[in-house]
Amino acid sequence: MRWDRTLRRFVPSLARLTSNPVCKIALDLCDALPRLAFRELAGIPPNHLRVRVGVGNRVFANQVAFLTEATRFWTHFLHAGYCRLDSTIVDIGCGCGRYAVFLRDYRYKSETFSGRYVGIDVDQEMLDWCTKHFDRERFEFHRSPHTSQAYRAQGAPTPFYRLPLEDGTADFVFSVSLFTHLLEEELLNYCRESWRVLKPGGHMVMSFFSMEHPPPTYGGRHTFEFQVGNAHVENPAVPEAAVAYHEDFMVSAARRAGFDAPAALVAPGDVQPILWARK
């Protein structure tokens, strides 16, 4: 744990490191042989982008994890009726398409994803990759102007961003590990915008680091010892690298956005609870 903490002082955000040209080449070389051996890997992003969105400790062999990570997520939310294969879905913090790949490639008999997927991110390089590798009939990608030191994103001085959808047009708005990289004003912005674009009865689901139920890395890699407003951050120099919140603040944020009965849902072994809300 002590070694991990020391390392994090020098490398507070692995996402920042993947913007280094030498690091990019080194990481992407790990893909050379697997891509030759398995054609299924042709449609996934280069390794430096996969590492940028988070791969746990699998920095050099994460291809299978990238392809399968979203399976349980979509199995649950499609089965629970939060969305359907013809829904309008908004993924805030879409990265290089980790959760969009499942929808793009899903096929059973003649059944495919026929809805509208809207991906939002601050990282132009990842958005450029997605634009080239997802069909434009079903998938669209937009850049948020928010700033992020962790992702080297330079944006507008205001935290406000209007999602590129009309009021009441989305069925499902979600993010996976986005709120773990957002300070308070940006988080509140996305809660308000989620409520605006959702149809009545639509759902918002956002995962986050909880101070009441911290991740297994708490005490080692993560301490969240610095506070910026309601945000508990790991490194004040790069505050978006890792951010945690109290669960009552998260519920209050969703309620202030307009949701009637939001809740923080936690299960045993969760790395990140989810903020759940229905319009």
C-alpha atoms as a PDB file:
ATOM      1  CA  MET A   1       0.000   0.000   0.000  1.00  0.00           C
ATOM      2  CA  ARG A   2       2.797   2.408   0.863  1.00  0.00           C
ATOM      3  CA  TRP A   3       4.472   1.744  -2.517  1.00  0.00           C
ATOM      4  CA  ASP A   4       1.164   2.269  -4.296  1.00  0.00           C
ATOM      5  CA  ARG A   5       0.621   5.606  -2.581  1.00  0.00           C
ATOM      6  CA  THR A   6       4.158   6.737  -3.452  1.00  0.00           C
ATOM      7  CA  LEU A   7       3.699   5.766  -7.088  1.00  0.00           C
ATOM      8  CA  ARG A   8       0.414   7.673  -7.280  1.00  0.00           C
ATOM      9  CA  ARG A   9       2.140  10.861  -6.176  1.00  0.00           C
ATOM     10  CA  PHE A  10       4.272  10.720  -9.311  1.00  0.00           C
ATOM     11  CA  VAL A  11       1.605   9.233 -11.631  1.00  0.00           C
ATOM     12  CA  PRO A  12      -1.740  10.480 -10.242  1.00  0.00           C
ATOM     13  CA  SER A  13      -3.572   9.619 -13.454  1.00  0.00           C
ATOM     14  CA  LEU A  14      -2.724   6.810 -15.854  1.00  0.00           C
ATOM     15  CA  ALA A  15      -5.037   8.495 -18.355  1.00  0.00           C
ATOM     16  CA  ARG A  16      -2.620  11.431 -18.573  1.00  0.00           C
ATOM     17  CA  LEU A  17       0.291   9.082 -19.195  1.00  0.00           C
ATOM     18  CA  THR A  18      -1.419   7.491 -22.219  1.00  0.00           C
ATOM     19  CA  SER A  19      -1.201  10.813 -24.051  1.00  0.00           C
ATOM     20  CA  ASN A  20       2.592  10.498 -24.128  1.00  0.00           C
ATOM     21  CA  PRO A  21       3.722   9.358 -27.633  1.00  0.00           C
ATOM     22  CA  VAL A  22       6.286   6.871 -26.293  1.00  0.00           C
ATOM     23  CA  CYS A  23       3.738   5.394 -23.896  1.00  0.00           C
ATOM     24  CA  LYS A  24       1.212   5.071 -26.738  1.00  0.00           C
ATOM     25  CA  ILE A  25       3.625   3.092 -28.890  1.00  0.00           C
ATOM     26  CA  ALA A  26       4.659   0.804 -26.033  1.00  0.00           C
ATOM     27  CA  LEU A  27       1.067   0.058 -25.048  1.00  0.00           C
ATOM     28  CA  ASP A  28      -0.134  -0.472 -28.608  1.00  0.00           C
ATOM     29  CA  LEU A  29       2.678  -2.926 -29.402  1.00  0.00           C
ATOM     30  CA  CYS A  30       0.987  -5.299 -26.965  1.00  0.00           C
ATOM     31  CA  ASP A  31      -1.850  -5.598 -29.481  1.00  0.00           C
ATOM     32  CA  ALA A  32       0.230  -6.681 -32.454  1.00  0.00           C
ATOM     33  CA  LEU A  33       0.232 -10.458 -31.976  1.00  0.00           C
ATOM     34  CA  PRO A  34      -3.283 -10.800 -30.487  1.00  0.00           C
ATOM     35  CA  ARG A  35      -4.791  -8.851 -33.400  1.00  0.00           C
ATOM     36  CA  LEU A  36      -3.037 -11.154 -35.878  1.00  0.00           C
ATOM     37  CA  ALA A  37      -4.257 -14.247 -34.058  1.00  0.00           C
ATOM     38  CA  PHE A  38      -7.873 -13.267 -33.345  1.00  0.00           C
ATOM     39  CA  ARG A  39     -10.034 -11.428 -35.873  1.00  0.00           C
ATOM     40  CA  GLU A  40     -12.506 -10.550 -33.097  1.00  0.00           C
ATOM     41  CA  LEU A  41      -9.999  -7.965 -31.879  1.00  0.00           C
ATOM     42  CA  ALA A  42     -10.045  -5.985 -35.115  1.00  0.00           C
ATOM     43  CA  GLY A  43     -13.004  -3.883 -34.001  1.00  0.00           C
ATOM     44  CA  ILE A  44     -11.688  -2.712 -30.637  1.00  0.00           C
ATOM     45  CA  PRO A  45      -9.684   0.460 -29.979  1.00  0.00           C
ATOM     46  CA  PRO A  46      -5.888   0.510 -29.582  1.00  0.00           C
ATOM     47  CA  ASN A  47      -4.515  -0.400 -26.184  1.00  0.00           C
ATOM     48  CA  HIS A  48      -3.539   3.119 -25.157  1.00  0.00           C
ATOM     49  CA  LEU A  49      -7.201   4.160 -25.454  1.00  0.00           C
ATOM     50  CA  ARG A  50      -8.419   1.091 -23.574  1.00  0.00           C
ATOM     51  CA  VAL A  51      -5.966   1.814 -20.769  1.00  0.00           C
ATOM     52  CA  ARG A  52      -7.128   5.438 -20.730  1.00  0.00           C
ATOM     53  CA  VAL A  53     -10.696   4.447 -19.868  1.00  0.00           C
ATOM     54  CA  GLY A  54      -9.544   1.986 -17.201  1.00  0.00           C
ATOM     55  CA  VAL A  55      -8.576  -1.678 -17.307  1.00  0.00           C
ATOM     56  CA  GLY A  56      -7.831  -2.394 -13.652  1.00  0.00           C
ATOM     57  CA  ASN A  57      -4.405  -4.009 -13.477  1.00  0.00           C
ATOM     58  CA  ARG A  58      -4.593  -5.536 -16.971  1.00  0.00           C
ATOM     59  CA  VAL A  59      -2.478  -2.944 -18.711  1.00  0.00           C
ATOM     60  CA  PHE A  60      -0.955  -5.336 -21.245  1.00  0.00           C
ATOM     61  CA  ALA A  61      -3.635  -8.018 -21.734  1.00  0.00           C
ATOM     62  CA  ASN A  62      -7.104  -6.510 -21.519  1.00  0.00           C
ATOM     63  CA  GLN A  63      -8.647  -7.317 -24.897  1.00  0.00           C
ATOM     64  CA  VAL A  64     -11.110  -9.911 -23.607  1.00  0.00           C
ATOM     65  CA  ALA A  65     -12.005  -7.763 -20.597  1.00  0.00           C
ATOM     66  CA  PHE A  66     -12.812  -4.837 -22.896  1.00  0.00           C
ATOM     67  CA  LEU A  67     -15.080  -6.968 -25.088  1.00  0.00           C
ATOM     68  CA  THR A  68     -16.946  -8.605 -22.205  1.00  0.00           C
ATOM     69  CA  GLU A  69     -17.123  -5.933 -19.497  1.00  0.00           C
ATOM     70  CA  ALA A  70     -20.427  -4.456 -20.674  1.00  0.00           C
ATOM     71  CA  THR A  71     -22.227  -7.801 -21.039  1.00  0.00           C
ATOM     72  CA  ARG A  72     -23.591  -8.032 -17.511  1.00  0.00           C
ATOM     73  CA  PHE A  73     -24.515  -4.341 -17.529  1.00  0.00           C
ATOM     74  CA  TRP A  74     -26.660  -4.625 -20.656  1.00  0.00           C
ATOM     75  CA  THR A  75     -28.073  -8.015 -19.685  1.00  0.00           C
ATOM     76  CA  HIS A  76     -29.360  -6.520 -16.444  1.00  0.00           C
ATOM     77  CA  PHE A  77     -30.758  -3.225 -17.717  1.00  0.00           C
ATOM     78  CA  LEU A  78     -32.316  -4.676 -20.861  1.00  0.00           C
ATOM     79  CA  HIS A  79     -33.891  -7.494 -18.841  1.00  0.00           C
ATOM     80  CA  ALA A  80     -35.124  -5.056 -16.166  1.00  0.00           C
ATOM     81  CA  GLY A  81     -36.795  -2.926 -18.833  1.00  0.00           C
ATOM     82  CA  TYR A  82     -34.775   0.234 -18.269  1.00  0.00           C
ATOM     83  CA  CYS A  83     -34.173   0.290 -22.012  1.00  0.00           C
ATOM     84  CA  ARG A  84     -34.826  -1.786 -25.119  1.00  0.00           C
ATOM     85  CA  LEU A  85     -32.932  -2.525 -28.308  1.00  0.00           C
ATOM     86  CA  ASP A  86     -34.871   0.267 -30.030  1.00  0.00           C
ATOM     87  CA  SER A  87     -34.373   2.838 -27.239  1.00  0.00           C
ATOM     88  CA  THR A  88     -32.628   6.188 -27.298  1.00  0.00           C
ATOM     89  CA  ILE A  89     -29.650   5.727 -24.982  1.00  0.00           C
ATOM     90  CA  VAL A  90     -27.236   8.388 -23.725  1.00  0.00           C
ATOM     91  CA  ASP A  91     -23.787   7.346 -22.480  1.00  0.00           C
ATOM     92  CA  ILE A  92     -22.059  10.238 -20.687  1.00  0.00           C
ATOM     93  CA  GLY A  93     -18.337   9.585 -20.516  1.00  0.00           C
ATOM     94  CA  CYS A  94     -18.444   7.056 -23.352  1.00  0.00           C
ATOM     95  CA  GLY A  95     -14.654   6.976 -23.763  1.00  0.00           C
ATOM     96  CA  CYS A  96     -13.568   4.759 -26.642  1.00  0.00           C
ATOM     97  CA  GLY A  97     -16.878   2.903 -26.823  1.00  0.00           C
ATOM     98  CA  ARG A  98     -16.454   0.302 -24.106  1.00  0.00           C
ATOM     99  CA  TYR A  99     -20.234   0.070 -23.575  1.00  0.00           C
ATOM    100  CA  ALA A 100     -21.204   0.957 -27.137  1.00  0.00           C
ATOM    101  CA  VAL A 101     -19.313  -2.026 -28.607  1.00  0.00           C
ATOM    102  CA  PHE A 102     -21.839  -4.459 -27.142  1.00  0.00           C
ATOM    103  CA  LEU A 103     -24.730  -2.663 -28.845  1.00  0.00           C
ATOM    104  CA  ARG A 104     -22.851  -2.319 -32.141  1.00  0.00           C
ATOM    105  CA  ASP A 105     -21.980  -6.018 -32.324  1.00  0.00           C
ATOM    106  CA  TYR A 106     -25.091  -7.547 -30.763  1.00  0.00           C
ATOM    107  CA  ARG A 107     -26.911  -9.900 -33.087  1.00  0.00           C
ATOM    108  CA  TYR A 108     -29.182 -12.846 -32.374  1.00  0.00           C
ATOM    109  CA  LYS A 109     -30.963 -14.244 -35.442  1.00  0.00           C
ATOM    110  CA  SER A 110     -32.292 -11.051 -37.064  1.00  0.00           C
ATOM    111  CA  GLU A 111     -32.324  -9.060 -33.799  1.00  0.00           C
ATOM    112  CA  THR A 112     -29.903  -6.128 -33.485  1.00  0.00           C
ATOM    113  CA  PHE A 113     -29.708  -2.772 -31.735  1.00  0.00           C
ATOM    114  CA  SER A 114     -31.949  -0.506 -33.794  1.00  0.00           C
ATOM    115  CA  GLY A 115     -32.192   2.494 -31.486  1.00  0.00           C
ATOM    116  CA  ARG A 116     -30.175   5.685 -31.118  1.00  0.00           C
ATOM    117  CA  TYR A 117     -26.983   5.789 -29.071  1.00  0.00           C
ATOM    118  CA  VAL A 118     -25.531   9.170 -28.104  1.00  0.00           C
ATOM    119  CA  GLY A 119     -22.010   9.136 -26.653  1.00  0.00           C
ATOM    120  CA  ILE A 120     -20.534  12.126 -24.800  1.00  0.00           C
ATOM    121  CA  ASP A 121     -16.908  12.616 -23.757  1.00  0.00           C
ATOM    122  CA  VAL A 122     -14.230  15.276 -23.226  1.00  0.00           C
ATOM    123  CA  ASP A 123     -11.490  13.312 -25.023  1.00  0.00           C
ATOM    124  CA  GLN A 124     -11.374  14.160 -28.726  1.00  0.00           C
ATOM    125  CA  GLU A 125      -8.980  11.330 -29.605  1.00  0.00           C
ATOM    126  CA  MET A 126     -11.368   8.719 -28.244  1.00  0.00           C
ATOM    127  CA  LEU A 127     -14.336  10.371 -29.935  1.00  0.00           C
ATOM    128  CA  ASP A 128     -12.478  10.384 -33.256  1.00  0.00           C
ATOM    129  CA  TRP A 129     -11.854   6.652 -32.959  1.00  0.00           C
ATOM    130  CA  CYS A 130     -15.517   5.995 -32.182  1.00  0.00           C
ATOM    131  CA  THR A 131     -16.732   8.111 -35.087  1.00  0.00           C
ATOM    132  CA  LYS A 132     -14.638   6.036 -37.482  1.00  0.00           C
ATOM    133  CA  HIS A 133     -15.624   2.629 -36.068  1.00  0.00           C
ATOM    134  CA  PHE A 134     -19.364   2.917 -35.355  1.00  0.00           C
ATOM    135  CA  ASP A 135     -22.053   3.309 -37.999  1.00  0.00           C
ATOM    136  CA  ARG A 136     -23.637   6.739 -38.119  1.00  0.00           C
ATOM    137  CA  GLU A 137     -27.175   5.405 -38.594  1.00  0.00           C
ATOM    138  CA  ARG A 138     -27.317   4.300 -34.956  1.00  0.00           C
ATOM    139  CA  PHE A 139     -24.357   5.925 -33.189  1.00  0.00           C
ATOM    140  CA  GLU A 140     -23.331   9.533 -32.714  1.00  0.00           C
ATOM    141  CA  PHE A 141     -20.568  11.047 -30.621  1.00  0.00           C
ATOM    142  CA  HIS A 142     -20.217  14.548 -29.195  1.00  0.00           C
ATOM    143  CA  ARG A 143     -17.521  16.375 -27.293  1.00  0.00           C
ATOM    144  CA  SER A 144     -18.316  18.016 -23.990  1.00  0.00           C
ATOM    145  CA  PRO A 145     -16.486  21.321 -23.436  1.00  0.00           C
ATOM    146  CA  HIS A 146     -15.790  20.510 -19.781  1.00  0.00           C
ATOM    147  CA  THR A 147     -12.183  20.679 -18.647  1.00  0.00           C
ATOM    148  CA  SER A 148     -10.312  17.726 -17.159  1.00  0.00           C
ATOM    149  CA  GLN A 149      -6.713  17.733 -16.028  1.00  0.00           C
ATOM    150  CA  ALA A 150      -6.782  13.942 -15.794  1.00  0.00           C
ATOM    151  CA  TYR A 151      -7.763  13.610 -19.458  1.00  0.00           C
ATOM    152  CA  ARG A 152      -5.838  16.666 -20.676  1.00  0.00           C
ATOM    153  CA  ALA A 153      -9.082  18.217 -21.895  1.00  0.00           C
ATOM    154  CA  GLN A 154      -9.125  21.987 -22.236  1.00  0.00           C
ATOM    155  CA  GLY A 155     -12.651  23.364 -22.373  1.00  0.00           C
ATOM    156  CA  ALA A 156     -14.984  26.181 -21.506  1.00  0.00           C
ATOM    157  CA  PRO A 157     -14.618  28.069 -18.213  1.00  0.00           C
ATOM    158  CA  THR A 158     -18.247  27.293 -17.355  1.00  0.00           C
ATOM    159  CA  PRO A 159     -19.251  23.856 -16.036  1.00  0.00           C
ATOM    160  CA  PHE A 160     -22.557  23.975 -17.936  1.00  0.00           C
ATOM    161  CA  TYR A 161     -23.034  21.700 -20.941  1.00  0.00           C
ATOM    162  CA  ARG A 162     -26.314  21.066 -22.741  1.00  0.00           C
ATOM    163  CA  LEU A 163     -26.684  17.503 -23.968  1.00  0.00           C
ATOM    164  CA  PRO A 164     -27.384  17.361 -27.730  1.00  0.00           C
ATOM    165  CA  LEU A 165     -30.944  16.036 -27.353  1.00  0.00           C
ATOM    166  CA  GLU A 166     -34.348  17.685 -27.186  1.00  0.00           C
ATOM    167  CA  ASP A 167     -36.343  17.685 -23.962  1.00  0.00           C
ATOM    168  CA  GLY A 168     -37.992  14.367 -23.115  1.00  0.00           C
ATOM    169  CA  THR A 169     -36.488  12.284 -25.931  1.00  0.00           C
ATOM    170  CA  ALA A 170     -34.198   9.757 -24.168  1.00  0.00           C
ATOM    171  CA  ASP A 171     -35.192   6.447 -22.587  1.00  0.00           C
ATOM    172  CA  PHE A 172     -32.017   5.748 -20.617  1.00  0.00           C
ATOM    173  CA  VAL A 173     -29.121   7.958 -19.506  1.00  0.00           C
ATOM    174  CA  PHE A 174     -26.132   6.319 -17.858  1.00  0.00           C
ATOM    175  CA  SER A 175     -22.473   6.671 -17.031  1.00  0.00           C
ATOM    176  CA  VAL A 176     -19.918   4.148 -15.836  1.00  0.00           C
ATOM    177  CA  SER A 177     -17.174   5.650 -13.693  1.00  0.00           C
ATOM    178  CA  LEU A 178     -17.811   9.166 -14.960  1.00  0.00           C
ATOM    179  CA  PHE A 179     -18.804  10.621 -11.597  1.00  0.00           C
ATOM    180  CA  THR A 180     -15.542   9.185 -10.211  1.00  0.00           C
ATOM    181  CA  HIS A 181     -13.819  11.878 -12.313  1.00  0.00           C
ATOM    182  CA  LEU A 182     -16.188  14.847 -11.902  1.00  0.00           C
ATOM    183  CA  LEU A 183     -16.128  17.740  -9.488  1.00  0.00           C
ATOM    184  CA  GLU A 184     -19.369  19.009  -8.004  1.00  0.00           C
ATOM    185  CA  GLU A 185     -20.537  21.576 -10.576  1.00  0.00           C
ATOM    186  CA  GLU A 186     -20.070  19.239 -13.540  1.00  0.00           C
ATOM    187  CA  LEU A 187     -21.834  16.425 -11.666  1.00  0.00           C
ATOM    188  CA  LEU A 188     -24.822  18.648 -10.905  1.00  0.00           C
ATOM    189  CA  ASN A 189     -24.901  19.769 -14.546  1.00  0.00           C
ATOM    190  CA  TYR A 190     -25.184  16.192 -15.798  1.00  0.00           C
ATOM    191  CA  CYS A 191     -27.897  15.328 -13.269  1.00  0.00           C
ATOM    192  CA  ARG A 192     -29.973  18.309 -14.423  1.00  0.00           C
ATOM    193  CA  GLU A 193     -29.378  17.543 -18.086  1.00  0.00           C
ATOM    194  CA  SER A 194     -30.256  13.876 -17.592  1.00  0.00           C
ATOM    195  CA  TRP A 195     -33.601  14.858 -16.115  1.00  0.00           C
ATOM    196  CA  ARG A 196     -34.242  17.300 -18.986  1.00  0.00           C
ATOM    197  CA  VAL A 197     -33.611  14.857 -21.834  1.00  0.00           C
ATOM    198  CA  LEU A 198     -35.342  11.835 -20.292  1.00  0.00           C
ATOM    199  CA  LYS A 199     -38.880  10.874 -21.208  1.00  0.00           C
ATOM    200  CA  PRO A 200     -41.353  10.546 -18.329  1.00  0.00           C
ATOM    201  CA  GLY A 201     -40.622   7.138 -16.825  1.00  0.00           C
ATOM    202  CA  GLY A 202     -37.064   7.147 -18.164  1.00  0.00           C
ATOM    203  CA  HIS A 203     -34.124   6.138 -15.972  1.00  0.00           C
ATOM    204  CA  MET A 204     -30.800   7.675 -14.992  1.00  0.00           C
ATOM    205  CA  VAL A 205     -28.058   5.342 -13.704  1.00  0.00           C
ATOM    206  CA  MET A 206     -24.650   6.743 -12.692  1.00  0.00           C
ATOM    207  CA  SER A 207     -21.894   4.841 -10.898  1.00  0.00           C
ATOM    208  CA  PHE A 208     -19.674   6.667  -8.385  1.00  0.00           C
ATOM    209  CA  PHE A 209     -17.121   6.221  -5.609  1.00  0.00           C
ATOM    210  CA  SER A 210     -18.891   6.266  -2.248  1.00  0.00           C
ATOM    211  CA  MET A 211     -17.372   7.465   1.018  1.00  0.00           C
ATOM    212  CA  GLU A 212     -19.762   5.170   2.915  1.00  0.00           C
ATOM    213  CA  HIS A 213     -18.916   2.130   0.769  1.00  0.00           C
ATOM    214  CA  PRO A 214     -15.384   2.809  -0.531  1.00  0.00           C
ATOM    215  CA  PRO A 215     -13.721   0.601  -3.162  1.00  0.00           C
ATOM    216  CA  PRO A 216     -11.370  -2.258  -2.194  1.00  0.00           C
ATOM    217  CA  THR A 217      -8.469   0.036  -3.116  1.00  0.00           C
ATOM    218  CA  TYR A 218      -9.380   2.428  -0.297  1.00  0.00           C
ATOM    219  CA  GLY A 219      -6.483   2.895   2.096  1.00  0.00           C
ATOM    220  CA  GLY A 220      -3.961   1.974  -0.595  1.00  0.00           C
ATOM    221  CA  ARG A 221      -4.396   3.429  -4.045  1.00  0.00           C
ATOM    222  CA  HIS A 222      -7.298   5.602  -2.905  1.00  0.00           C
ATOM    223  CA  THR A 223      -7.574   7.698   0.246  1.00  0.00           C
ATOM    224  CA  PHE A 224      -9.807  10.618  -0.882  1.00  0.00           C
ATOM    225  CA  GLU A 225      -8.170  12.719   1.823  1.00  0.00           C
ATOM    226  CA  PHE A 226      -8.612  16.141   0.168  1.00  0.00           C
ATOM    227  CA  GLN A 227     -11.948  17.920  -0.089  1.00  0.00           C
ATOM    228  CA  VAL A 228     -13.104  20.288  -2.848  1.00  0.00           C
ATOM    229  CA  GLY A 229     -16.636  21.351  -1.983  1.00  0.00           C
ATOM    230  CA  ASN A 230     -18.591  18.114  -1.596  1.00  0.00           C
ATOM    231  CA  ALA A 231     -16.022  16.185  -3.632  1.00  0.00           C
ATOM    232  CA  HIS A 232     -13.378  14.082  -1.901  1.00  0.00           C
ATOM    233  CA  VAL A 233     -10.360  13.881  -4.200  1.00  0.00           C
ATOM    234  CA  GLU A 234      -7.194  11.845  -4.250  1.00  0.00           C
ATOM    235  CA  ASN A 235      -4.805  14.460  -5.590  1.00  0.00           C
ATOM    236  CA  PRO A 236      -5.494  18.230  -5.438  1.00  0.00           C
ATOM    237  CA  ALA A 237      -3.082  18.836  -8.324  1.00  0.00           C
ATOM    238  CA  VAL A 238      -5.136  16.543 -10.600  1.00  0.00           C
ATOM    239  CA  PRO A 239      -8.485  16.530  -8.782  1.00  0.00           C
ATOM    240  CA  GLU A 240     -10.424  14.659 -11.501  1.00  0.00           C
ATOM    241  CA  ALA A 241      -8.090  11.649 -11.265  1.00  0.00           C
ATOM    242  CA  ALA A 242     -10.277  10.053  -8.570  1.00  0.00           C
ATOM    243  CA  VAL A 243     -13.324  11.590  -6.862  1.00  0.00           C
ATOM    244  CA  ALA A 244     -15.682  10.240  -4.195  1.00  0.00           C
ATOM    245  CA  TYR A 245     -18.907  11.592  -2.691  1.00  0.00           C
ATOM    246  CA  HIS A 246     -21.155  10.882   0.253  1.00  0.00           C
ATOM    247  CA  GLU A 247     -24.273   8.985  -0.761  1.00  0.00           C
ATOM    248  CA  ASP A 248     -26.682  11.515   0.743  1.00  0.00           C
ATOM    249  CA  PHE A 249     -25.122  14.224  -1.426  1.00  0.00           C
ATOM    250  CA  MET A 250     -25.617  12.084  -4.536  1.00  0.00           C
ATOM    251  CA  VAL A 251     -29.273  11.473  -3.716  1.00  0.00           C
ATOM    252  CA  SER A 252     -29.751  15.170  -2.986  1.00  0.00           C
ATOM    253  CA  ALA A 253     -28.117  16.106  -6.317  1.00  0.00           C
ATOM    254  CA  ALA A 254     -30.581  13.943  -8.232  1.00  0.00           C
ATOM    255  CA  ARG A 255     -33.523  15.247  -6.238  1.00  0.00           C
ATOM    256  CA  ARG A 256     -32.503  18.862  -6.900  1.00  0.00           C
ATOM    257  CA  ALA A 257     -32.312  18.025 -10.599  1.00  0.00           C
ATOM    258  CA  GLY A 258     -36.002  17.104 -10.519  1.00  0.00           C
ATOM    259  CA  PHE A 259     -36.078  13.349  -9.849  1.00  0.00           C
ATOM    260  CA  ASP A 260     -38.728  12.318  -7.312  1.00  0.00           C
ATOM    261  CA  ALA A 261     -37.261   9.315  -5.484  1.00  0.00           C
ATOM    262  CA  PRO A 262     -33.578   8.793  -6.315  1.00  0.00           C
ATOM    263  CA  ALA A 263     -31.527   6.240  -4.411  1.00  0.00           C
ATOM    264  CA  ALA A 264     -27.945   5.099  -3.962  1.00  0.00           C
ATOM    265  CA  LEU A 265     -27.914   1.352  -4.647  1.00  0.00           C
ATOM    266  CA  VAL A 266     -25.158  -0.771  -3.137  1.00  0.00           C
ATOM    267  CA  ALA A 267     -24.511  -4.510  -3.338  1.00  0.00           C
ATOM    268  CA  PRO A 268     -21.900  -6.593  -1.484  1.00  0.00           C
ATOM    269  CA  GLY A 269     -18.535  -6.382  -3.185  1.00  0.00           C
ATOM    270  CA  ASP A 270     -19.393  -3.280  -5.218  1.00  0.00           C
ATOM    271  CA  VAL A 271     -16.452  -1.215  -6.381  1.00  0.00           C
ATOM    272  CA  GLN A 272     -18.852   1.560  -7.283  1.00  0.00           C
ATOM    273  CA  PRO A 273     -22.473   1.933  -6.111  1.00  0.00           C
ATOM    274  CA  ILE A 274     -24.932   3.490  -8.527  1.00  0.00           C
ATOM    275  CA  LEU A 275     -27.111   6.560  -8.305  1.00  0.00           C
ATOM    276  CA  TRP A 276     -30.516   5.423  -9.596  1.00  0.00           C
ATOM    277  CA  ALA A 277     -33.345   7.786 -10.477  1.00  0.00           C
ATOM    278  CA  ARG A 278     -36.553   7.650 -12.490  1.00  0.00           C
ATOM    279  CA  LYS A 279     -38.249  10.670 -14.041  1.00  0.00           C
END
